[in-house]
Amino acid sequence: MDLLIGFLLFAGIFGIYDALRKINNNILDQTEEIKKLREELAKK
């Protein structure tokens, strides 16, 4: 029983970590896209 609770706790923590990592990557990608758009607008 303790092993099951430990596994579920580990899986939950890993799921939260993975979700935060994906959110962070999306924010970084969006920041890069905004920089590219600003550079394109500055050229015009």
C-alpha atoms as a PDB file:
ATOM      1  CA  MET A   1       0.000   0.000   0.000  1.00  0.00           C
ATOM      2  CA  ASP A   2       2.804   2.423   0.857  1.00  0.00           C
ATOM      3  CA  LEU A   3       4.512   1.574  -2.427  1.00  0.00           C
ATOM      4  CA  LEU A   4       1.368   2.485  -4.369  1.00  0.00           C
ATOM      5  CA  ILE A   5       1.019   5.812  -2.549  1.00  0.00           C
ATOM      6  CA  GLY A   6       4.693   6.545  -3.161  1.00  0.00           C
ATOM      7  CA  PHE A   7       4.370   5.755  -6.841  1.00  0.00           C
ATOM      8  CA  LEU A   8       1.266   7.936  -7.221  1.00  0.00           C
ATOM      9  CA  LEU A   9       2.985  10.793  -5.409  1.00  0.00           C
ATOM     10  CA  PHE A  10       6.029  10.473  -7.670  1.00  0.00           C
ATOM     11  CA  ALA A  11       3.826  10.334 -10.782  1.00  0.00           C
ATOM     12  CA  GLY A  12       1.948  13.433  -9.646  1.00  0.00           C
ATOM     13  CA  ILE A  13       5.122  15.402  -8.999  1.00  0.00           C
ATOM     14  CA  PHE A  14       6.528  14.311 -12.353  1.00  0.00           C
ATOM     15  CA  GLY A  15       3.299  15.344 -14.097  1.00  0.00           C
ATOM     16  CA  ILE A  16       3.429  18.796 -12.539  1.00  0.00           C
ATOM     17  CA  TYR A  17       7.101  19.138 -13.497  1.00  0.00           C
ATOM     18  CA  ASP A  18       6.371  18.102 -17.079  1.00  0.00           C
ATOM     19  CA  ALA A  19       3.458  20.554 -17.377  1.00  0.00           C
ATOM     20  CA  LEU A  20       5.588  23.439 -16.065  1.00  0.00           C
ATOM     21  CA  ARG A  21       8.400  22.511 -18.467  1.00  0.00           C
ATOM     22  CA  LYS A  22       6.001  22.579 -21.425  1.00  0.00           C
ATOM     23  CA  ILE A  23       4.575  25.938 -20.349  1.00  0.00           C
ATOM     24  CA  ASN A  24       8.089  27.364 -20.016  1.00  0.00           C
ATOM     25  CA  ASN A  25       9.067  26.107 -23.467  1.00  0.00           C
ATOM     26  CA  ASN A  26       5.930  27.650 -24.972  1.00  0.00           C
ATOM     27  CA  ILE A  27       6.721  31.000 -23.354  1.00  0.00           C
ATOM     28  CA  LEU A  28      10.275  30.892 -24.694  1.00  0.00           C
ATOM     29  CA  ASP A  29       9.028  30.036 -28.195  1.00  0.00           C
ATOM     30  CA  GLN A  30       6.523  32.881 -28.103  1.00  0.00           C
ATOM     31  CA  THR A  31       9.226  35.302 -26.950  1.00  0.00           C
ATOM     32  CA  GLU A  32      11.413  34.308 -29.897  1.00  0.00           C
ATOM     33  CA  GLU A  33       8.503  34.784 -32.304  1.00  0.00           C
ATOM     34  CA  ILE A  34       7.800  38.251 -30.881  1.00  0.00           C
ATOM     35  CA  LYS A  35      11.466  39.200 -31.332  1.00  0.00           C
ATOM     36  CA  LYS A  36      11.356  38.055 -34.970  1.00  0.00           C
ATOM     37  CA  LEU A  37       8.179  40.020 -35.614  1.00  0.00           C
ATOM     38  CA  ARG A  38       9.662  43.158 -34.067  1.00  0.00           C
ATOM     39  CA  GLU A  39      12.765  42.828 -36.240  1.00  0.00           C
ATOM     40  CA  GLU A  40      10.625  42.397 -39.364  1.00  0.00           C
ATOM     41  CA  LEU A  41       8.513  45.425 -38.475  1.00  0.00           C
ATOM     42  CA  ALA A  42      11.615  47.513 -37.784  1.00  0.00           C
ATOM     43  CA  LYS A  43      12.950  46.711 -41.263  1.00  0.00           C
ATOM     44  CA  LYS A  44       9.764  47.946 -42.948  1.00  0.00           C
END
